[in-house]
Amino acid sequence: MRQRMNVLWGITLALLIACIIWIGYSNYRMSKQVEDLRRRRITLGTDQQLQETVNTLEKNLQERLDYVTHVEVDPLDLTRVIQSKSFLASLGLRETLEQQGRMRLSCTVVGDDPSAIIKFMGRSQIVHVGDVFNGFTVQEISSAQMVLNKGGSRLVLVNESAPEGELQEGALKTSVSGEGQF
């Protein structure tokens, strides 16, 4: 038993000495690095460095502001993957009103160049004032609605959320005024 205690004390003492040597060596290296830095004359923030940094940041910002994304198809439209109506029906899903040919104003963004997202035939389309969509010309986009024109007839789409489950035809928030049928 006494031998075990002597061995344990010996190992503990050896580890303690190794730790003291390691800490001393680390402090010695650190003090050498501090001395080297004190001997050097470092000039920080010269006008040239500052100008290059500002120019780089401004260039990166302008590139990010100029970046425009164009998506040809709605990446979230699962009907492109699941084509079978019988499979969808087996899950309890039926064709949505957008897939049946009804336009729905999904959202609007108002600013210098107002834009809107229209859901139609199961696809999302981003439009701006003056764009032509499905034969309609976009006349006006406001925070809650969008006005379309086709052959003198006016179609007003009101922002509405995506339908949950099924919507009845009478629950549409789309109004058509003027003459002519679409």
N, C-alpha and C. Protein backbone atom coordinates (compact mmCIF):
# COMPACT_ATOMS: atom_id res chain seq x y z
N MET A 1 0.82 -1.18 0.00
CA MET A 1 0.00 0.00 0.00
C MET A 1 0.87 1.27 0.00
N ARG A 2 1.96 1.22 0.77
CA ARG A 2 2.86 2.35 0.85
C ARG A 2 3.56 2.58 -0.49
N GLN A 3 3.84 1.49 -1.20
CA GLN A 3 4.48 1.61 -2.50
C GLN A 3 3.55 2.32 -3.50
N ARG A 4 2.28 1.98 -3.46
CA ARG A 4 1.31 2.64 -4.35
C ARG A 4 1.25 4.13 -4.09
N MET A 5 1.23 4.48 -2.83
CA MET A 5 1.16 5.90 -2.48
C MET A 5 2.41 6.63 -2.97
N ASN A 6 3.56 6.01 -2.85
CA ASN A 6 4.80 6.63 -3.32
C ASN A 6 4.78 6.80 -4.84
N VAL A 7 4.25 5.79 -5.56
CA VAL A 7 4.17 5.87 -7.02
C VAL A 7 3.22 7.00 -7.42
N LEU A 8 2.05 7.08 -6.77
CA LEU A 8 1.07 8.14 -7.09
C LEU A 8 1.66 9.51 -6.80
N TRP A 9 2.35 9.66 -5.69
CA TRP A 9 2.97 10.94 -5.37
C TRP A 9 4.08 11.27 -6.38
N GLY A 10 4.79 10.30 -6.81
CA GLY A 10 5.84 10.52 -7.82
C GLY A 10 5.25 10.99 -9.15
N ILE A 11 4.14 10.34 -9.57
CA ILE A 11 3.50 10.74 -10.83
C ILE A 11 2.93 12.15 -10.71
N THR A 12 2.30 12.44 -9.59
CA THR A 12 1.73 13.78 -9.37
C THR A 12 2.83 14.83 -9.38
N LEU A 13 3.93 14.55 -8.72
CA LEU A 13 5.04 15.49 -8.69
C LEU A 13 5.64 15.70 -10.08
N ALA A 14 5.75 14.63 -10.86
CA ALA A 14 6.28 14.75 -12.23
C ALA A 14 5.35 15.58 -13.10
N LEU A 15 4.05 15.36 -12.98
CA LEU A 15 3.09 16.17 -13.75
C LEU A 15 3.15 17.63 -13.34
N LEU A 16 3.29 17.89 -12.05
CA LEU A 16 3.37 19.27 -11.57
C LEU A 16 4.60 19.96 -12.13
N ILE A 17 5.74 19.27 -12.13
CA ILE A 17 6.97 19.85 -12.67
C ILE A 17 6.83 20.09 -14.17
N ALA A 18 6.20 19.14 -14.90
CA ALA A 18 6.00 19.30 -16.35
C ALA A 18 5.11 20.50 -16.64
N CYS A 19 4.07 20.70 -15.84
CA CYS A 19 3.17 21.85 -16.03
C CYS A 19 3.91 23.16 -15.78
N ILE A 20 4.73 23.21 -14.74
CA ILE A 20 5.48 24.44 -14.43
C ILE A 20 6.46 24.75 -15.56
N ILE A 21 7.11 23.74 -16.10
CA ILE A 21 8.04 23.95 -17.22
C ILE A 21 7.29 24.44 -18.45
N TRP A 22 6.14 23.84 -18.75
CA TRP A 22 5.35 24.25 -19.93
C TRP A 22 4.86 25.69 -19.81
N ILE A 23 4.34 26.06 -18.64
CA ILE A 23 3.86 27.44 -18.43
C ILE A 23 5.02 28.42 -18.53
N GLY A 24 6.17 28.07 -17.97
CA GLY A 24 7.34 28.94 -18.06
C GLY A 24 7.78 29.13 -19.51
N TYR A 25 7.82 28.04 -20.28
CA TYR A 25 8.21 28.14 -21.68
C TYR A 25 7.21 28.99 -22.48
N SER A 26 5.91 28.80 -22.24
CA SER A 26 4.88 29.60 -22.93
C SER A 26 5.03 31.07 -22.61
N ASN A 27 5.28 31.39 -21.35
CA ASN A 27 5.48 32.80 -20.97
C ASN A 27 6.73 33.37 -21.64
N TYR A 28 7.80 32.58 -21.72
CA TYR A 28 9.03 33.02 -22.37
C TYR A 28 8.77 33.35 -23.84
N ARG A 29 8.05 32.44 -24.56
CA ARG A 29 7.72 32.70 -25.98
C ARG A 29 6.87 33.94 -26.14
N MET A 30 5.89 34.12 -25.27
CA MET A 30 5.01 35.28 -25.34
C MET A 30 5.80 36.56 -25.10
N SER A 31 6.70 36.56 -24.14
CA SER A 31 7.48 37.77 -23.87
C SER A 31 8.40 38.09 -25.04
N LYS A 32 8.92 37.07 -25.72
CA LYS A 32 9.75 37.30 -26.91
C LYS A 32 8.92 37.96 -28.01
N GLN A 33 7.68 37.48 -28.21
CA GLN A 33 6.82 38.07 -29.24
C GLN A 33 6.47 39.51 -28.89
N VAL A 34 6.22 39.80 -27.63
CA VAL A 34 5.91 41.16 -27.21
C VAL A 34 7.11 42.07 -27.46
N GLU A 35 8.30 41.60 -27.13
CA GLU A 35 9.51 42.39 -27.37
C GLU A 35 9.72 42.65 -28.86
N ASP A 36 9.49 41.64 -29.69
CA ASP A 36 9.63 41.83 -31.14
C ASP A 36 8.65 42.87 -31.65
N LEU A 37 7.42 42.85 -31.16
CA LEU A 37 6.43 43.84 -31.60
C LEU A 37 6.78 45.24 -31.12
N ARG A 38 7.38 45.34 -29.91
CA ARG A 38 7.78 46.66 -29.40
C ARG A 38 8.91 47.25 -30.23
N ARG A 39 9.82 46.40 -30.71
CA ARG A 39 10.94 46.88 -31.52
C ARG A 39 10.50 47.38 -32.89
N ARG A 40 9.49 46.76 -33.43
CA ARG A 40 9.00 47.17 -34.76
C ARG A 40 8.18 48.43 -34.63
N ARG A 41 8.22 49.22 -35.66
CA ARG A 41 7.35 50.40 -35.73
C ARG A 41 6.23 50.05 -36.70
N ILE A 42 5.02 49.96 -36.18
CA ILE A 42 3.87 49.59 -37.01
C ILE A 42 3.01 50.84 -37.20
N THR A 43 2.73 51.13 -38.45
CA THR A 43 1.87 52.26 -38.77
C THR A 43 0.52 51.70 -39.18
N LEU A 44 -0.47 51.95 -38.38
CA LEU A 44 -1.82 51.46 -38.67
C LEU A 44 -2.67 52.59 -39.22
N GLY A 45 -3.58 52.22 -40.13
CA GLY A 45 -4.60 53.16 -40.60
C GLY A 45 -4.06 54.27 -41.47
N THR A 46 -3.14 53.97 -42.37
CA THR A 46 -2.69 55.01 -43.29
C THR A 46 -3.84 55.39 -44.20
N ASP A 47 -3.76 56.56 -44.76
CA ASP A 47 -4.84 57.03 -45.63
C ASP A 47 -5.03 56.12 -46.83
N GLN A 48 -3.96 55.58 -47.36
CA GLN A 48 -4.05 54.69 -48.52
C GLN A 48 -4.79 53.41 -48.14
N GLN A 49 -4.45 52.81 -47.01
CA GLN A 49 -5.12 51.60 -46.56
C GLN A 49 -6.61 51.86 -46.32
N LEU A 50 -6.89 52.97 -45.68
CA LEU A 50 -8.28 53.32 -45.40
C LEU A 50 -9.06 53.53 -46.70
N GLN A 51 -8.48 54.20 -47.65
CA GLN A 51 -9.14 54.44 -48.93
C GLN A 51 -9.42 53.13 -49.66
N GLU A 52 -8.45 52.20 -49.66
CA GLU A 52 -8.65 50.90 -50.31
C GLU A 52 -9.76 50.10 -49.63
N THR A 53 -9.78 50.14 -48.31
CA THR A 53 -10.82 49.42 -47.57
C THR A 53 -12.20 49.99 -47.87
N VAL A 54 -12.33 51.30 -47.85
CA VAL A 54 -13.61 51.95 -48.15
C VAL A 54 -14.05 51.63 -49.57
N ASN A 55 -13.13 51.70 -50.53
CA ASN A 55 -13.48 51.40 -51.92
C ASN A 55 -13.95 49.95 -52.08
N THR A 56 -13.28 49.03 -51.43
CA THR A 56 -13.67 47.62 -51.49
C THR A 56 -15.06 47.41 -50.90
N LEU A 57 -15.31 48.01 -49.74
CA LEU A 57 -16.63 47.88 -49.10
C LEU A 57 -17.73 48.49 -49.95
N GLU A 58 -17.48 49.66 -50.53
CA GLU A 58 -18.48 50.30 -51.38
C GLU A 58 -18.75 49.47 -52.63
N LYS A 59 -17.71 48.88 -53.21
CA LYS A 59 -17.88 48.04 -54.39
C LYS A 59 -18.73 46.81 -54.05
N ASN A 60 -18.43 46.16 -52.93
CA ASN A 60 -19.22 45.00 -52.50
C ASN A 60 -20.67 45.36 -52.24
N LEU A 61 -20.89 46.50 -51.60
CA LEU A 61 -22.26 46.95 -51.34
C LEU A 61 -23.01 47.20 -52.65
N GLN A 62 -22.37 47.87 -53.60
CA GLN A 62 -23.02 48.16 -54.87
C GLN A 62 -23.34 46.88 -55.63
N GLU A 63 -22.43 45.89 -55.59
CA GLU A 63 -22.69 44.61 -56.25
C GLU A 63 -23.90 43.93 -55.62
N ARG A 64 -24.02 43.98 -54.31
CA ARG A 64 -25.17 43.36 -53.64
C ARG A 64 -26.46 44.09 -53.96
N LEU A 65 -26.41 45.42 -54.05
CA LEU A 65 -27.62 46.18 -54.38
C LEU A 65 -28.05 45.95 -55.83
N ASP A 66 -27.08 45.74 -56.73
CA ASP A 66 -27.39 45.54 -58.14
C ASP A 66 -27.83 44.12 -58.47
N TYR A 67 -27.64 43.19 -57.54
CA TYR A 67 -27.95 41.79 -57.81
C TYR A 67 -29.46 41.59 -57.92
N VAL A 68 -29.89 41.00 -59.02
CA VAL A 68 -31.30 40.74 -59.27
C VAL A 68 -31.46 39.25 -59.56
N THR A 69 -32.43 38.65 -58.93
CA THR A 69 -32.69 37.23 -59.14
C THR A 69 -33.89 37.07 -60.06
N HIS A 70 -33.74 36.24 -61.08
CA HIS A 70 -34.84 35.92 -61.98
C HIS A 70 -35.08 34.43 -61.90
N VAL A 71 -36.28 34.07 -61.49
CA VAL A 71 -36.63 32.67 -61.38
C VAL A 71 -37.71 32.38 -62.42
N GLU A 72 -37.44 31.42 -63.28
CA GLU A 72 -38.38 31.09 -64.35
C GLU A 72 -39.58 30.30 -63.83
N VAL A 73 -39.35 29.40 -62.89
CA VAL A 73 -40.44 28.59 -62.36
C VAL A 73 -40.45 28.71 -60.85
N ASP A 74 -41.60 28.51 -60.26
CA ASP A 74 -41.78 28.58 -58.82
C ASP A 74 -41.09 27.37 -58.18
N PRO A 75 -40.01 27.57 -57.40
CA PRO A 75 -39.30 26.43 -56.84
C PRO A 75 -40.10 25.71 -55.75
N LEU A 76 -41.14 26.33 -55.24
CA LEU A 76 -41.94 25.71 -54.18
C LEU A 76 -43.19 25.03 -54.71
N ASP A 77 -43.36 25.01 -56.02
CA ASP A 77 -44.54 24.40 -56.62
C ASP A 77 -44.33 22.89 -56.71
N LEU A 78 -44.96 22.14 -55.80
CA LEU A 78 -44.78 20.70 -55.75
C LEU A 78 -45.55 19.98 -56.85
N THR A 79 -46.47 20.68 -57.53
CA THR A 79 -47.20 20.03 -58.60
C THR A 79 -46.30 19.70 -59.78
N ARG A 80 -45.12 20.32 -59.85
CA ARG A 80 -44.15 19.96 -60.89
C ARG A 80 -43.55 18.60 -60.58
N VAL A 81 -43.48 18.24 -59.32
CA VAL A 81 -42.91 16.96 -58.92
C VAL A 81 -43.99 15.89 -58.87
N ILE A 82 -45.12 16.23 -58.25
CA ILE A 82 -46.23 15.29 -58.11
C ILE A 82 -47.26 15.67 -59.17
N GLN A 83 -47.31 14.92 -60.25
CA GLN A 83 -48.18 15.26 -61.37
C GLN A 83 -49.52 14.54 -61.33
N SER A 84 -49.60 13.45 -60.65
CA SER A 84 -50.79 12.62 -60.70
C SER A 84 -51.92 13.21 -59.86
N LYS A 85 -53.04 13.55 -60.52
CA LYS A 85 -54.19 14.08 -59.79
C LYS A 85 -54.80 13.01 -58.90
N SER A 86 -54.73 11.75 -59.32
CA SER A 86 -55.28 10.68 -58.48
C SER A 86 -54.46 10.54 -57.19
N PHE A 87 -53.13 10.72 -57.29
CA PHE A 87 -52.30 10.65 -56.09
C PHE A 87 -52.64 11.80 -55.14
N LEU A 88 -52.77 13.01 -55.70
CA LEU A 88 -53.14 14.16 -54.88
C LEU A 88 -54.51 13.96 -54.25
N ALA A 89 -55.45 13.41 -55.02
CA ALA A 89 -56.79 13.16 -54.48
C ALA A 89 -56.74 12.13 -53.36
N SER A 90 -55.85 11.12 -53.48
CA SER A 90 -55.74 10.12 -52.43
C SER A 90 -55.21 10.73 -51.13
N LEU A 91 -54.46 11.84 -51.24
CA LEU A 91 -53.98 12.54 -50.05
C LEU A 91 -55.02 13.51 -49.51
N GLY A 92 -56.15 13.64 -50.20
CA GLY A 92 -57.19 14.55 -49.77
C GLY A 92 -57.04 15.95 -50.31
N LEU A 93 -56.17 16.13 -51.31
CA LEU A 93 -55.96 17.44 -51.91
C LEU A 93 -56.69 17.52 -53.24
N ARG A 94 -57.26 18.66 -53.50
CA ARG A 94 -57.88 18.89 -54.80
C ARG A 94 -57.20 20.06 -55.47
N GLU A 95 -57.53 20.27 -56.72
CA GLU A 95 -56.93 21.40 -57.43
C GLU A 95 -57.27 22.69 -56.70
N THR A 96 -56.26 23.54 -56.56
CA THR A 96 -56.50 24.84 -55.95
C THR A 96 -57.13 25.76 -56.99
N LEU A 97 -57.64 26.89 -56.52
CA LEU A 97 -58.26 27.83 -57.46
C LEU A 97 -57.24 28.38 -58.46
N GLU A 98 -55.96 28.53 -58.02
CA GLU A 98 -54.94 29.01 -58.94
C GLU A 98 -54.72 28.02 -60.08
N GLN A 99 -54.75 26.71 -59.75
CA GLN A 99 -54.55 25.70 -60.78
C GLN A 99 -55.77 25.60 -61.69
N GLN A 100 -56.94 26.06 -61.23
CA GLN A 100 -58.14 26.04 -62.04
C GLN A 100 -58.23 27.28 -62.94
N GLY A 101 -57.27 28.18 -62.88
CA GLY A 101 -57.25 29.32 -63.79
C GLY A 101 -57.61 30.65 -63.16
N ARG A 102 -57.66 30.74 -61.85
CA ARG A 102 -57.97 31.99 -61.17
C ARG A 102 -56.67 32.68 -60.76
N MET A 103 -56.60 34.00 -60.95
CA MET A 103 -55.44 34.77 -60.52
C MET A 103 -55.63 35.18 -59.07
N ARG A 104 -54.53 35.10 -58.30
CA ARG A 104 -54.57 35.54 -56.90
C ARG A 104 -53.35 36.42 -56.66
N LEU A 105 -53.60 37.60 -56.08
CA LEU A 105 -52.51 38.50 -55.72
C LEU A 105 -51.93 38.01 -54.40
N SER A 106 -50.70 37.51 -54.47
CA SER A 106 -50.08 36.91 -53.30
C SER A 106 -49.47 37.96 -52.38
N CYS A 107 -48.73 38.93 -52.96
CA CYS A 107 -48.18 40.01 -52.15
C CYS A 107 -47.75 41.16 -53.05
N THR A 108 -47.57 42.32 -52.42
CA THR A 108 -47.11 43.50 -53.14
C THR A 108 -45.93 44.10 -52.39
N VAL A 109 -45.04 44.74 -53.15
CA VAL A 109 -43.92 45.47 -52.57
C VAL A 109 -44.00 46.88 -53.14
N VAL A 110 -44.23 47.85 -52.26
CA VAL A 110 -44.42 49.22 -52.69
C VAL A 110 -43.13 50.00 -52.43
N GLY A 111 -42.72 50.80 -53.39
CA GLY A 111 -41.50 51.59 -53.27
C GLY A 111 -41.33 52.40 -54.55
N ASP A 112 -40.07 52.69 -54.89
CA ASP A 112 -39.79 53.43 -56.12
C ASP A 112 -40.26 52.66 -57.35
N ASP A 113 -40.06 51.35 -57.34
CA ASP A 113 -40.48 50.48 -58.44
C ASP A 113 -41.38 49.40 -57.84
N PRO A 114 -42.68 49.69 -57.66
CA PRO A 114 -43.55 48.70 -57.01
C PRO A 114 -43.64 47.41 -57.82
N SER A 115 -43.76 46.30 -57.10
CA SER A 115 -43.88 45.00 -57.74
C SER A 115 -44.89 44.17 -56.99
N ALA A 116 -45.33 43.09 -57.63
CA ALA A 116 -46.32 42.21 -57.02
C ALA A 116 -46.05 40.78 -57.46
N ILE A 117 -46.55 39.83 -56.65
CA ILE A 117 -46.46 38.42 -57.01
C ILE A 117 -47.88 37.92 -57.23
N ILE A 118 -48.11 37.39 -58.43
CA ILE A 118 -49.42 36.85 -58.81
C ILE A 118 -49.29 35.34 -58.89
N LYS A 119 -50.21 34.61 -58.28
CA LYS A 119 -50.29 33.16 -58.43
C LYS A 119 -51.34 32.89 -59.50
N PHE A 120 -50.95 32.14 -60.54
CA PHE A 120 -51.86 31.84 -61.62
C PHE A 120 -51.46 30.51 -62.23
N MET A 121 -52.41 29.62 -62.39
CA MET A 121 -52.19 28.30 -62.97
C MET A 121 -51.08 27.54 -62.22
N GLY A 122 -51.05 27.69 -60.89
CA GLY A 122 -50.10 26.97 -60.08
C GLY A 122 -48.69 27.53 -60.10
N ARG A 123 -48.48 28.71 -60.67
CA ARG A 123 -47.16 29.31 -60.76
C ARG A 123 -47.19 30.72 -60.18
N SER A 124 -46.05 31.15 -59.67
CA SER A 124 -45.90 32.52 -59.17
C SER A 124 -45.21 33.35 -60.25
N GLN A 125 -45.67 34.59 -60.41
CA GLN A 125 -45.08 35.49 -61.40
C GLN A 125 -44.88 36.85 -60.73
N ILE A 126 -43.68 37.42 -60.86
CA ILE A 126 -43.40 38.75 -60.33
C ILE A 126 -43.65 39.75 -61.46
N VAL A 127 -44.46 40.77 -61.17
CA VAL A 127 -44.79 41.78 -62.18
C VAL A 127 -44.54 43.17 -61.62
N HIS A 128 -44.31 44.12 -62.53
CA HIS A 128 -44.11 45.53 -62.20
C HIS A 128 -45.13 46.34 -63.01
N VAL A 129 -45.29 47.60 -62.65
CA VAL A 129 -46.20 48.49 -63.38
C VAL A 129 -45.73 48.57 -64.83
N GLY A 130 -46.66 48.36 -65.77
CA GLY A 130 -46.35 48.40 -67.19
C GLY A 130 -46.12 47.02 -67.80
N ASP A 131 -45.90 46.01 -66.97
CA ASP A 131 -45.71 44.65 -67.48
C ASP A 131 -47.02 44.11 -68.03
N VAL A 132 -46.92 43.17 -68.96
CA VAL A 132 -48.09 42.48 -69.49
C VAL A 132 -48.08 41.06 -68.94
N PHE A 133 -49.19 40.65 -68.33
CA PHE A 133 -49.31 39.33 -67.75
C PHE A 133 -50.62 38.71 -68.20
N ASN A 134 -50.52 37.60 -68.93
CA ASN A 134 -51.69 36.88 -69.41
C ASN A 134 -52.64 37.79 -70.19
N GLY A 135 -52.08 38.71 -70.96
CA GLY A 135 -52.88 39.62 -71.77
C GLY A 135 -53.31 40.88 -71.03
N PHE A 136 -53.08 40.95 -69.74
CA PHE A 136 -53.43 42.11 -68.92
C PHE A 136 -52.21 43.00 -68.77
N THR A 137 -52.43 44.32 -68.79
CA THR A 137 -51.37 45.28 -68.53
C THR A 137 -51.49 45.74 -67.08
N VAL A 138 -50.39 45.69 -66.36
CA VAL A 138 -50.39 46.13 -64.96
C VAL A 138 -50.40 47.65 -64.94
N GLN A 139 -51.50 48.23 -64.43
CA GLN A 139 -51.63 49.68 -64.39
C GLN A 139 -51.14 50.29 -63.09
N GLU A 140 -51.46 49.62 -61.97
CA GLU A 140 -51.17 50.22 -60.68
C GLU A 140 -50.94 49.11 -59.65
N ILE A 141 -49.97 49.33 -58.77
CA ILE A 141 -49.73 48.42 -57.65
C ILE A 141 -49.68 49.26 -56.38
N SER A 142 -50.57 48.96 -55.45
CA SER A 142 -50.56 49.66 -54.17
C SER A 142 -50.30 48.64 -53.07
N SER A 143 -50.37 49.09 -51.83
CA SER A 143 -50.01 48.20 -50.72
C SER A 143 -51.00 47.05 -50.54
N ALA A 144 -52.24 47.19 -50.97
CA ALA A 144 -53.23 46.15 -50.72
C ALA A 144 -53.86 45.58 -52.00
N GLN A 145 -53.59 46.18 -53.14
CA GLN A 145 -54.23 45.70 -54.36
C GLN A 145 -53.40 46.03 -55.59
N MET A 146 -53.87 45.46 -56.71
CA MET A 146 -53.22 45.69 -57.99
C MET A 146 -54.31 45.85 -59.04
N VAL A 147 -54.12 46.79 -59.95
CA VAL A 147 -55.10 47.06 -61.00
C VAL A 147 -54.52 46.61 -62.34
N LEU A 148 -55.28 45.75 -63.03
CA LEU A 148 -54.90 45.26 -64.35
C LEU A 148 -55.89 45.79 -65.37
N ASN A 149 -55.45 45.92 -66.62
CA ASN A 149 -56.32 46.41 -67.69
C ASN A 149 -56.14 45.51 -68.90
N LYS A 150 -57.28 45.19 -69.52
CA LYS A 150 -57.22 44.39 -70.75
C LYS A 150 -58.37 44.84 -71.65
N GLY A 151 -58.03 45.45 -72.74
CA GLY A 151 -59.03 45.88 -73.71
C GLY A 151 -60.09 46.81 -73.13
N GLY A 152 -59.72 47.72 -72.26
CA GLY A 152 -60.67 48.66 -71.69
C GLY A 152 -61.35 48.14 -70.43
N SER A 153 -61.22 46.88 -70.14
CA SER A 153 -61.79 46.32 -68.93
C SER A 153 -60.76 46.37 -67.82
N ARG A 154 -61.23 46.55 -66.62
CA ARG A 154 -60.36 46.73 -65.47
C ARG A 154 -60.56 45.58 -64.49
N LEU A 155 -59.47 44.99 -64.06
CA LEU A 155 -59.50 43.89 -63.10
C LEU A 155 -58.71 44.33 -61.87
N VAL A 156 -59.35 44.26 -60.70
CA VAL A 156 -58.70 44.65 -59.45
C VAL A 156 -58.48 43.39 -58.63
N LEU A 157 -57.23 43.09 -58.34
CA LEU A 157 -56.89 41.96 -57.48
C LEU A 157 -56.50 42.50 -56.11
N VAL A 158 -57.05 41.90 -55.07
CA VAL A 158 -56.78 42.32 -53.70
C VAL A 158 -55.86 41.29 -53.05
N ASN A 159 -54.89 41.76 -52.27
CA ASN A 159 -53.99 40.84 -51.56
C ASN A 159 -54.80 39.84 -50.75
N GLU A 160 -54.46 38.58 -50.90
CA GLU A 160 -55.09 37.55 -50.08
C GLU A 160 -54.09 36.45 -49.82
N SER A 161 -54.22 35.86 -48.66
CA SER A 161 -53.28 34.81 -48.28
C SER A 161 -53.58 33.54 -49.05
N ALA A 162 -52.62 32.64 -49.03
CA ALA A 162 -52.79 31.36 -49.71
C ALA A 162 -53.94 30.61 -49.08
N PRO A 163 -54.73 29.94 -49.90
CA PRO A 163 -55.89 29.22 -49.36
C PRO A 163 -55.46 28.04 -48.51
N GLU A 164 -56.14 27.86 -47.40
CA GLU A 164 -55.92 26.69 -46.57
C GLU A 164 -56.98 25.68 -46.96
N GLY A 165 -56.55 24.56 -47.44
CA GLY A 165 -57.51 23.54 -47.85
C GLY A 165 -58.21 23.98 -49.11
N GLU A 166 -59.51 24.18 -49.00
CA GLU A 166 -60.34 24.47 -50.15
C GLU A 166 -61.03 25.81 -49.98
N LEU A 167 -61.15 26.60 -51.05
CA LEU A 167 -61.92 27.84 -51.04
C LEU A 167 -63.15 27.65 -51.91
N GLN A 168 -64.23 28.27 -51.50
CA GLN A 168 -65.44 28.24 -52.33
C GLN A 168 -65.34 29.35 -53.37
N GLU A 169 -65.96 29.16 -54.53
CA GLU A 169 -65.91 30.15 -55.60
C GLU A 169 -66.46 31.50 -55.13
N GLY A 170 -67.45 31.51 -54.24
CA GLY A 170 -68.06 32.76 -53.79
C GLY A 170 -67.15 33.56 -52.88
N ALA A 171 -66.07 32.97 -52.40
CA ALA A 171 -65.20 33.65 -51.46
C ALA A 171 -64.09 34.42 -52.16
N LEU A 172 -64.18 34.58 -53.47
CA LEU A 172 -63.14 35.28 -54.22
C LEU A 172 -63.17 36.76 -53.90
N LYS A 173 -61.99 37.35 -53.87
CA LYS A 173 -61.89 38.78 -53.60
C LYS A 173 -61.44 39.49 -54.86
N THR A 174 -61.84 39.02 -56.00
CA THR A 174 -61.47 39.62 -57.27
C THR A 174 -62.70 40.28 -57.87
N SER A 175 -62.56 41.52 -58.31
CA SER A 175 -63.71 42.20 -58.90
C SER A 175 -63.37 42.61 -60.32
N VAL A 176 -64.32 42.50 -61.21
CA VAL A 176 -64.12 42.85 -62.61
C VAL A 176 -65.15 43.93 -62.95
N SER A 177 -64.68 45.03 -63.55
CA SER A 177 -65.59 46.07 -63.99
C SER A 177 -65.27 46.39 -65.44
N GLY A 178 -66.21 46.96 -66.14
CA GLY A 178 -65.99 47.27 -67.54
C GLY A 178 -66.69 46.26 -68.43
N GLU A 179 -66.38 46.33 -69.69
CA GLU A 179 -67.04 45.47 -70.63
C GLU A 179 -66.06 44.45 -71.18
N GLY A 180 -66.58 43.35 -71.60
CA GLY A 180 -65.76 42.32 -72.20
C GLY A 180 -65.53 41.17 -71.24
N GLN A 181 -65.30 40.00 -71.77
CA GLN A 181 -65.04 38.81 -70.97
C GLN A 181 -63.59 38.41 -71.18
N PHE A 182 -63.05 37.79 -70.19
CA PHE A 182 -61.66 37.33 -70.29
C PHE A 182 -61.68 35.85 -70.45
